[in-house]
Amino acid sequence: MNERKNSRDEQARLKEFLERRDIRDLLGGIESARGRLRESGSIGNEPPYGAHIESDQEEIDSQLDAISRAVVELQDIISRNELVLPHSPEVRASQQGKYWSLGAETIRGPLIPFLRGELEPVRRVVVAPNLPVQIVLFFLSIPRLRDLLVRERHGPWGYHYHYLDSNRRRSDTLLTFEQQLRKLPGGQQAKVLTWERHSEKSHFSARAASWGAKKRESVYQSCVGDSAKRSLSDFKTPGKDAEVVWPV
């Protein structure tokens, strides 16, 4: 009987907590920013690739920061109010290497031409990565918010490029830069472009290992030109099976 009464009291307190103006504002801000990020990630995901736009990096980062700040403030309010949240087997279940977040979006930029093909700049962003258990329990207790939660392996993702052919078909090849400059025989420092296969849907094999010097350098120059807008640390770390495109 006491357990049932305590449960009712906790539910009533949670309902009262959700009706607070500051909590409604925080949750509304999170949902609004998450929606804008979803819109940014919905363009250019499938062929045809004619509708690419230059995503506003500052705007995307602003939405990510707004969500992160709101999550921190929400956790602080929950702790200060000693809000008791219902436990969930979803949280207790062990899923090694997986973390709670508010999902991820793949932002695609305008196509970059090179010799007999095009490159598609890609940025994958994780929204509020590694959410605290307290926030996860809070979101799980609210039907409209639980759908925002995702538990996955975030991976070492950053900027990278997909290789497309002259018909804008997406290949199985992903291009990114090593995290450090390489000193060339002449003494100059150069960025190192690598290729590897990715797991996204593709339409053909690019066979990057068989590219000749002319094509390799053309792809390299296109990527280097675009990369001037970013630091090397912004790029996806090459996988263990990655091979060098250029310089070779």
C-alpha atoms as a PDB file:
ATOM      1  CA  MET A   1       0.000   0.000   0.000  1.00  0.00           C
ATOM      2  CA  ASN A   2       2.779   2.427   0.980  1.00  0.00           C
ATOM      3  CA  GLU A   3       4.697   1.655  -2.230  1.00  0.00           C
ATOM      4  CA  ARG A   4       1.601   2.382  -4.306  1.00  0.00           C
ATOM      5  CA  LYS A   5       1.045   5.673  -2.448  1.00  0.00           C
ATOM      6  CA  ASN A   6       4.692   6.654  -2.899  1.00  0.00           C
ATOM      7  CA  SER A   7       4.429   5.918  -6.609  1.00  0.00           C
ATOM      8  CA  ARG A   8       1.329   8.109  -6.911  1.00  0.00           C
ATOM      9  CA  ASP A   9       3.062  10.889  -4.993  1.00  0.00           C
ATOM     10  CA  GLU A  10       6.112  10.680  -7.276  1.00  0.00           C
ATOM     11  CA  GLN A  11       3.918  10.801 -10.389  1.00  0.00           C
ATOM     12  CA  ALA A  12       2.043  13.812  -9.022  1.00  0.00           C
ATOM     13  CA  ARG A  13       5.303  15.591  -8.252  1.00  0.00           C
ATOM     14  CA  LEU A  14       6.655  14.825 -11.734  1.00  0.00           C
ATOM     15  CA  LYS A  15       3.474  16.219 -13.285  1.00  0.00           C
ATOM     16  CA  GLU A  16       3.787  19.357 -11.159  1.00  0.00           C
ATOM     17  CA  PHE A  17       7.451  19.648 -12.125  1.00  0.00           C
ATOM     18  CA  LEU A  18       6.586  19.474 -15.830  1.00  0.00           C
ATOM     19  CA  GLU A  19       4.083  22.308 -15.429  1.00  0.00           C
ATOM     20  CA  ARG A  20       6.735  24.730 -14.210  1.00  0.00           C
ATOM     21  CA  ARG A  21       7.396  27.604 -16.616  1.00  0.00           C
ATOM     22  CA  ASP A  22      11.188  27.219 -16.536  1.00  0.00           C
ATOM     23  CA  ILE A  23      10.951  23.480 -17.280  1.00  0.00           C
ATOM     24  CA  ARG A  24       8.479  24.041 -20.124  1.00  0.00           C
ATOM     25  CA  ASP A  25      10.814  26.659 -21.604  1.00  0.00           C
ATOM     26  CA  LEU A  26      13.860  24.373 -21.347  1.00  0.00           C
ATOM     27  CA  LEU A  27      12.089  21.403 -22.920  1.00  0.00           C
ATOM     28  CA  GLY A  28      10.534  23.567 -25.617  1.00  0.00           C
ATOM     29  CA  GLY A  29      13.965  24.974 -26.469  1.00  0.00           C
ATOM     30  CA  ILE A  30      15.467  21.481 -26.720  1.00  0.00           C
ATOM     31  CA  GLU A  31      12.666  20.216 -28.965  1.00  0.00           C
ATOM     32  CA  SER A  32      12.804  23.323 -31.171  1.00  0.00           C
ATOM     33  CA  ALA A  33      16.593  23.195 -31.624  1.00  0.00           C
ATOM     34  CA  ARG A  34      16.444  19.440 -32.257  1.00  0.00           C
ATOM     35  CA  GLY A  35      13.841  20.025 -34.958  1.00  0.00           C
ATOM     36  CA  ARG A  36      16.002  22.628 -36.698  1.00  0.00           C
ATOM     37  CA  LEU A  37      18.956  20.249 -36.670  1.00  0.00           C
ATOM     38  CA  ARG A  38      16.765  17.535 -38.186  1.00  0.00           C
ATOM     39  CA  GLU A  39      15.793  19.922 -40.985  1.00  0.00           C
ATOM     40  CA  SER A  40      19.485  20.644 -41.649  1.00  0.00           C
ATOM     41  CA  GLY A  41      20.170  16.920 -41.969  1.00  0.00           C
ATOM     42  CA  SER A  42      17.269  16.160 -44.302  1.00  0.00           C
ATOM     43  CA  ILE A  43      18.634  17.793 -47.465  1.00  0.00           C
ATOM     44  CA  GLY A  44      20.581  15.857 -50.066  1.00  0.00           C
ATOM     45  CA  ASN A  45      20.447  12.498 -48.306  1.00  0.00           C
ATOM     46  CA  GLU A  46      19.219  10.527 -51.317  1.00  0.00           C
ATOM     47  CA  PRO A  47      19.679  10.829 -55.072  1.00  0.00           C
ATOM     48  CA  PRO A  48      19.210  12.888 -57.113  1.00  0.00           C
ATOM     49  CA  TYR A  49      21.854  15.146 -55.614  1.00  0.00           C
ATOM     50  CA  GLY A  50      20.674  18.421 -57.141  1.00  0.00           C
ATOM     51  CA  ALA A  51      19.317  20.032 -53.974  1.00  0.00           C
ATOM     52  CA  HIS A  52      22.532  20.524 -52.004  1.00  0.00           C
ATOM     53  CA  ILE A  53      22.944  23.637 -49.886  1.00  0.00           C
ATOM     54  CA  GLU A  54      25.816  25.143 -47.924  1.00  0.00           C
ATOM     55  CA  SER A  55      24.838  24.341 -44.346  1.00  0.00           C
ATOM     56  CA  ASP A  56      25.502  27.199 -41.955  1.00  0.00           C
ATOM     57  CA  GLN A  57      28.116  25.779 -39.600  1.00  0.00           C
ATOM     58  CA  GLU A  58      27.671  28.558 -37.049  1.00  0.00           C
ATOM     59  CA  GLU A  59      23.905  27.994 -36.941  1.00  0.00           C
ATOM     60  CA  ILE A  60      24.319  24.222 -36.505  1.00  0.00           C
ATOM     61  CA  ASP A  61      26.902  24.688 -33.754  1.00  0.00           C
ATOM     62  CA  SER A  62      24.626  27.244 -32.098  1.00  0.00           C
ATOM     63  CA  GLN A  63      21.758  24.725 -31.965  1.00  0.00           C
ATOM     64  CA  LEU A  64      24.065  22.008 -30.588  1.00  0.00           C
ATOM     65  CA  ASP A  65      25.375  24.371 -27.892  1.00  0.00           C
ATOM     66  CA  ALA A  66      21.852  25.497 -26.982  1.00  0.00           C
ATOM     67  CA  ILE A  67      20.766  21.885 -26.451  1.00  0.00           C
ATOM     68  CA  SER A  68      23.879  21.056 -24.392  1.00  0.00           C
ATOM     69  CA  ARG A  69      23.366  24.115 -22.147  1.00  0.00           C
ATOM     70  CA  ALA A  70      19.696  23.268 -21.683  1.00  0.00           C
ATOM     71  CA  VAL A  71      20.549  19.683 -20.701  1.00  0.00           C
ATOM     72  CA  VAL A  72      23.071  20.898 -18.091  1.00  0.00           C
ATOM     73  CA  GLU A  73      20.558  23.401 -16.664  1.00  0.00           C
ATOM     74  CA  LEU A  74      17.803  20.771 -16.612  1.00  0.00           C
ATOM     75  CA  GLN A  75      20.017  18.298 -14.760  1.00  0.00           C
ATOM     76  CA  ASP A  76      20.924  20.965 -12.218  1.00  0.00           C
ATOM     77  CA  ILE A  77      17.252  21.777 -11.558  1.00  0.00           C
ATOM     78  CA  ILE A  78      16.349  18.082 -11.215  1.00  0.00           C
ATOM     79  CA  SER A  79      19.181  17.580  -8.703  1.00  0.00           C
ATOM     80  CA  ARG A  80      18.370  20.708  -6.670  1.00  0.00           C
ATOM     81  CA  ASN A  81      14.711  19.702  -6.459  1.00  0.00           C
ATOM     82  CA  GLU A  82      15.633  16.096  -5.569  1.00  0.00           C
ATOM     83  CA  LEU A  83      13.137  14.871  -8.123  1.00  0.00           C
ATOM     84  CA  VAL A  84      12.598  11.105  -7.843  1.00  0.00           C
ATOM     85  CA  LEU A  85      12.447   9.558 -11.315  1.00  0.00           C
ATOM     86  CA  PRO A  86      11.068   6.097 -12.141  1.00  0.00           C
ATOM     87  CA  HIS A  87      13.745   3.515 -12.919  1.00  0.00           C
ATOM     88  CA  SER A  88      13.785   1.862 -16.316  1.00  0.00           C
ATOM     89  CA  PRO A  89      15.192  -1.504 -17.438  1.00  0.00           C
ATOM     90  CA  GLU A  90      16.267   0.270 -20.653  1.00  0.00           C
ATOM     91  CA  VAL A  91      18.829   2.249 -18.668  1.00  0.00           C
ATOM     92  CA  ARG A  92      20.039  -0.637 -16.546  1.00  0.00           C
ATOM     93  CA  ALA A  93      20.557  -2.953 -19.526  1.00  0.00           C
ATOM     94  CA  SER A  94      24.225  -3.104 -20.459  1.00  0.00           C
ATOM     95  CA  GLN A  95      25.051  -2.253 -24.068  1.00  0.00           C
ATOM     96  CA  GLN A  96      28.836  -2.083 -24.187  1.00  0.00           C
ATOM     97  CA  GLY A  97      30.226   0.810 -26.183  1.00  0.00           C
ATOM     98  CA  LYS A  98      26.815   2.443 -26.668  1.00  0.00           C
ATOM     99  CA  TYR A  99      25.847   5.805 -25.212  1.00  0.00           C
ATOM    100  CA  TRP A 100      22.642   7.794 -24.808  1.00  0.00           C
ATOM    101  CA  SER A 101      22.175  10.937 -26.885  1.00  0.00           C
ATOM    102  CA  LEU A 102      19.443  12.864 -28.666  1.00  0.00           C
ATOM    103  CA  GLY A 103      20.386  11.211 -31.949  1.00  0.00           C
ATOM    104  CA  ALA A 104      22.638  12.309 -34.788  1.00  0.00           C
ATOM    105  CA  GLU A 105      22.295  14.142 -38.080  1.00  0.00           C
ATOM    106  CA  THR A 106      24.295  13.908 -41.284  1.00  0.00           C
ATOM    107  CA  ILE A 107      24.751  17.360 -42.803  1.00  0.00           C
ATOM    108  CA  ARG A 108      25.649  17.392 -46.503  1.00  0.00           C
ATOM    109  CA  GLY A 109      27.237  20.330 -48.315  1.00  0.00           C
ATOM    110  CA  PRO A 110      27.357  21.409 -51.969  1.00  0.00           C
ATOM    111  CA  LEU A 111      29.104  19.111 -54.421  1.00  0.00           C
ATOM    112  CA  ILE A 112      32.738  19.788 -55.340  1.00  0.00           C
ATOM    113  CA  PRO A 113      33.790  18.933 -58.926  1.00  0.00           C
ATOM    114  CA  PHE A 114      37.034  17.176 -59.842  1.00  0.00           C
ATOM    115  CA  LEU A 115      38.326  15.084 -62.758  1.00  0.00           C
ATOM    116  CA  ARG A 116      35.432  12.838 -63.948  1.00  0.00           C
ATOM    117  CA  GLY A 117      33.431  13.068 -60.733  1.00  0.00           C
ATOM    118  CA  GLU A 118      32.299  15.074 -57.721  1.00  0.00           C
ATOM    119  CA  LEU A 119      32.870  15.059 -53.975  1.00  0.00           C
ATOM    120  CA  GLU A 120      30.122  15.382 -51.387  1.00  0.00           C
ATOM    121  CA  PRO A 121      31.240  17.070 -48.122  1.00  0.00           C
ATOM    122  CA  VAL A 122      29.638  15.365 -45.133  1.00  0.00           C
ATOM    123  CA  ARG A 123      29.492  16.254 -41.458  1.00  0.00           C
ATOM    124  CA  ARG A 124      27.912  13.930 -38.897  1.00  0.00           C
ATOM    125  CA  VAL A 125      26.926  15.568 -35.599  1.00  0.00           C
ATOM    126  CA  VAL A 126      25.801  13.793 -32.426  1.00  0.00           C
ATOM    127  CA  VAL A 127      23.250  15.799 -30.443  1.00  0.00           C
ATOM    128  CA  ALA A 128      23.916  15.968 -26.675  1.00  0.00           C
ATOM    129  CA  PRO A 129      26.290  12.968 -26.585  1.00  0.00           C
ATOM    130  CA  ASN A 130      26.734  10.899 -23.405  1.00  0.00           C
ATOM    131  CA  LEU A 131      23.538  12.074 -21.701  1.00  0.00           C
ATOM    132  CA  PRO A 132      23.569  11.703 -17.882  1.00  0.00           C
ATOM    133  CA  VAL A 133      21.429   8.862 -16.511  1.00  0.00           C
ATOM    134  CA  GLN A 134      19.260  11.392 -14.662  1.00  0.00           C
ATOM    135  CA  ILE A 135      18.310  13.092 -17.929  1.00  0.00           C
ATOM    136  CA  VAL A 136      17.726   9.748 -19.662  1.00  0.00           C
ATOM    137  CA  LEU A 137      15.328   8.655 -16.883  1.00  0.00           C
ATOM    138  CA  PHE A 138      13.561  12.025 -17.062  1.00  0.00           C
ATOM    139  CA  PHE A 139      13.079  11.792 -20.841  1.00  0.00           C
ATOM    140  CA  LEU A 140      11.966   8.153 -20.634  1.00  0.00           C
ATOM    141  CA  SER A 141       9.218   9.148 -18.210  1.00  0.00           C
ATOM    142  CA  ILE A 142       7.680  11.584 -20.746  1.00  0.00           C
ATOM    143  CA  PRO A 143       6.149   9.967 -23.880  1.00  0.00           C
ATOM    144  CA  ARG A 144       6.827  12.861 -26.263  1.00  0.00           C
ATOM    145  CA  LEU A 145      10.458  13.127 -25.151  1.00  0.00           C
ATOM    146  CA  ARG A 146      11.400   9.439 -25.047  1.00  0.00           C
ATOM    147  CA  ASP A 147      11.268   9.347 -28.863  1.00  0.00           C
ATOM    148  CA  LEU A 148      14.213  11.795 -28.952  1.00  0.00           C
ATOM    149  CA  LEU A 149      16.490   9.349 -27.127  1.00  0.00           C
ATOM    150  CA  VAL A 150      18.940   7.175 -29.026  1.00  0.00           C
ATOM    151  CA  ARG A 151      21.447   4.664 -27.700  1.00  0.00           C
ATOM    152  CA  GLU A 152      24.265   3.997 -30.141  1.00  0.00           C
ATOM    153  CA  ARG A 153      27.980   3.908 -30.789  1.00  0.00           C
ATOM    154  CA  HIS A 154      28.867   7.502 -31.634  1.00  0.00           C
ATOM    155  CA  GLY A 155      32.085   6.698 -33.476  1.00  0.00           C
ATOM    156  CA  PRO A 156      34.975   9.044 -34.260  1.00  0.00           C
ATOM    157  CA  TRP A 157      33.006  11.019 -36.858  1.00  0.00           C
ATOM    158  CA  GLY A 158      33.771  14.461 -38.223  1.00  0.00           C
ATOM    159  CA  TYR A 159      33.987  16.066 -41.637  1.00  0.00           C
ATOM    160  CA  HIS A 160      34.696  13.762 -44.571  1.00  0.00           C
ATOM    161  CA  TYR A 161      33.880  13.390 -48.279  1.00  0.00           C
ATOM    162  CA  HIS A 162      31.920  10.862 -50.314  1.00  0.00           C
ATOM    163  CA  TYR A 163      33.110  10.105 -53.819  1.00  0.00           C
ATOM    164  CA  LEU A 164      30.452  10.445 -56.563  1.00  0.00           C
ATOM    165  CA  ASP A 165      30.891   9.651 -60.239  1.00  0.00           C
ATOM    166  CA  SER A 166      29.993  11.961 -63.136  1.00  0.00           C
ATOM    167  CA  ASN A 167      26.361  10.775 -62.895  1.00  0.00           C
ATOM    168  CA  ARG A 168      26.295  11.689 -59.195  1.00  0.00           C
ATOM    169  CA  ARG A 169      26.026   8.089 -58.061  1.00  0.00           C
ATOM    170  CA  ARG A 170      27.383   7.594 -54.561  1.00  0.00           C
ATOM    171  CA  SER A 171      30.305   5.180 -54.334  1.00  0.00           C
ATOM    172  CA  ASP A 172      31.524   3.011 -51.470  1.00  0.00           C
ATOM    173  CA  THR A 173      34.483   5.335 -50.871  1.00  0.00           C
ATOM    174  CA  LEU A 174      34.982   7.847 -48.066  1.00  0.00           C
ATOM    175  CA  LEU A 175      37.811  10.401 -48.066  1.00  0.00           C
ATOM    176  CA  THR A 176      39.296  12.205 -45.082  1.00  0.00           C
ATOM    177  CA  PHE A 177      42.561  13.736 -43.869  1.00  0.00           C
ATOM    178  CA  GLU A 178      45.188  12.460 -41.475  1.00  0.00           C
ATOM    179  CA  GLN A 179      45.251  14.472 -38.271  1.00  0.00           C
ATOM    180  CA  GLN A 180      48.841  15.661 -38.739  1.00  0.00           C
ATOM    181  CA  LEU A 181      50.730  17.315 -41.592  1.00  0.00           C
ATOM    182  CA  ARG A 182      53.421  15.251 -43.310  1.00  0.00           C
ATOM    183  CA  LYS A 183      56.891  16.576 -44.095  1.00  0.00           C
ATOM    184  CA  LEU A 184      57.680  15.952 -47.758  1.00  0.00           C
ATOM    185  CA  PRO A 185      61.170  15.228 -49.158  1.00  0.00           C
ATOM    186  CA  GLY A 186      61.523  18.878 -50.207  1.00  0.00           C
ATOM    187  CA  GLY A 187      60.895  20.005 -46.624  1.00  0.00           C
ATOM    188  CA  GLN A 188      57.388  21.439 -47.091  1.00  0.00           C
ATOM    189  CA  GLN A 189      54.457  20.384 -44.897  1.00  0.00           C
ATOM    190  CA  ALA A 190      51.419  18.873 -46.621  1.00  0.00           C
ATOM    191  CA  LYS A 191      47.994  17.532 -45.695  1.00  0.00           C
ATOM    192  CA  VAL A 192      47.563  13.798 -46.314  1.00  0.00           C
ATOM    193  CA  LEU A 193      44.307  12.625 -47.909  1.00  0.00           C
ATOM    194  CA  THR A 194      43.182   9.028 -47.265  1.00  0.00           C
ATOM    195  CA  TRP A 195      40.412   6.773 -48.570  1.00  0.00           C
ATOM    196  CA  GLU A 196      38.465   3.911 -47.022  1.00  0.00           C
ATOM    197  CA  ARG A 197      35.180   2.130 -47.610  1.00  0.00           C
ATOM    198  CA  HIS A 198      32.090   3.307 -45.747  1.00  0.00           C
ATOM    199  CA  SER A 199      28.953   1.462 -44.670  1.00  0.00           C
ATOM    200  CA  GLU A 200      26.335   3.835 -46.099  1.00  0.00           C
ATOM    201  CA  LYS A 201      24.238   2.881 -49.106  1.00  0.00           C
ATOM    202  CA  SER A 202      26.332   3.008 -52.284  1.00  0.00           C
ATOM    203  CA  HIS A 203      25.763   2.364 -55.978  1.00  0.00           C
ATOM    204  CA  PHE A 204      29.179   1.265 -57.190  1.00  0.00           C
ATOM    205  CA  SER A 205      32.760   0.549 -56.141  1.00  0.00           C
ATOM    206  CA  ALA A 206      35.140   3.461 -56.748  1.00  0.00           C
ATOM    207  CA  ARG A 207      38.212   1.170 -56.815  1.00  0.00           C
ATOM    208  CA  ALA A 208      40.317   3.957 -55.308  1.00  0.00           C
ATOM    209  CA  ALA A 209      43.337   1.681 -54.979  1.00  0.00           C
ATOM    210  CA  SER A 210      43.646   1.619 -58.774  1.00  0.00           C
ATOM    211  CA  TRP A 211      43.409   5.397 -59.344  1.00  0.00           C
ATOM    212  CA  GLY A 212      46.239   6.881 -61.392  1.00  0.00           C
ATOM    213  CA  ALA A 213      48.367   9.833 -60.279  1.00  0.00           C
ATOM    214  CA  LYS A 214      46.367  12.382 -62.309  1.00  0.00           C
ATOM    215  CA  LYS A 215      43.040  11.413 -60.714  1.00  0.00           C
ATOM    216  CA  ARG A 216      44.557  11.115 -57.243  1.00  0.00           C
ATOM    217  CA  GLU A 217      46.015  14.604 -57.435  1.00  0.00           C
ATOM    218  CA  SER A 218      42.760  16.044 -58.850  1.00  0.00           C
ATOM    219  CA  VAL A 219      40.768  14.592 -55.942  1.00  0.00           C
ATOM    220  CA  TYR A 220      43.424  15.793 -53.506  1.00  0.00           C
ATOM    221  CA  GLN A 221      43.424  19.375 -54.789  1.00  0.00           C
ATOM    222  CA  SER A 222      39.620  19.539 -54.583  1.00  0.00           C
ATOM    223  CA  CYS A 223      39.610  18.280 -50.986  1.00  0.00           C
ATOM    224  CA  VAL A 224      42.507  20.517 -49.923  1.00  0.00           C
ATOM    225  CA  GLY A 225      40.759  23.561 -51.360  1.00  0.00           C
ATOM    226  CA  ASP A 226      37.597  22.815 -49.401  1.00  0.00           C
ATOM    227  CA  SER A 227      39.523  21.883 -46.231  1.00  0.00           C
ATOM    228  CA  ALA A 228      40.963  25.398 -45.941  1.00  0.00           C
ATOM    229  CA  LYS A 229      37.739  26.335 -44.132  1.00  0.00           C
ATOM    230  CA  ARG A 230      38.473  23.870 -41.306  1.00  0.00           C
ATOM    231  CA  SER A 231      41.247  22.529 -39.113  1.00  0.00           C
ATOM    232  CA  LEU A 232      42.493  18.948 -39.469  1.00  0.00           C
ATOM    233  CA  SER A 233      41.046  18.102 -36.056  1.00  0.00           C
ATOM    234  CA  ASP A 234      37.551  18.734 -37.489  1.00  0.00           C
ATOM    235  CA  PHE A 235      37.921  15.775 -39.864  1.00  0.00           C
ATOM    236  CA  LYS A 236      37.049  12.152 -39.242  1.00  0.00           C
ATOM    237  CA  THR A 237      40.067  10.205 -38.047  1.00  0.00           C
ATOM    238  CA  PRO A 238      41.077   7.719 -40.777  1.00  0.00           C
ATOM    239  CA  GLY A 239      40.146   4.113 -40.038  1.00  0.00           C
ATOM    240  CA  LYS A 240      42.751   1.445 -39.416  1.00  0.00           C
ATOM    241  CA  ASP A 241      42.348   0.163 -42.998  1.00  0.00           C
ATOM    242  CA  ALA A 242      42.593   3.607 -44.622  1.00  0.00           C
ATOM    243  CA  GLU A 243      45.063   4.070 -47.484  1.00  0.00           C
ATOM    244  CA  VAL A 244      46.737   7.246 -48.711  1.00  0.00           C
ATOM    245  CA  VAL A 245      45.356   8.960 -51.831  1.00  0.00           C
ATOM    246  CA  TRP A 246      47.902  11.790 -52.012  1.00  0.00           C
ATOM    247  CA  PRO A 247      50.739  12.648 -51.621  1.00  0.00           C
ATOM    248  CA  VAL A 248      52.231   9.258 -52.439  1.00  0.00           C
END
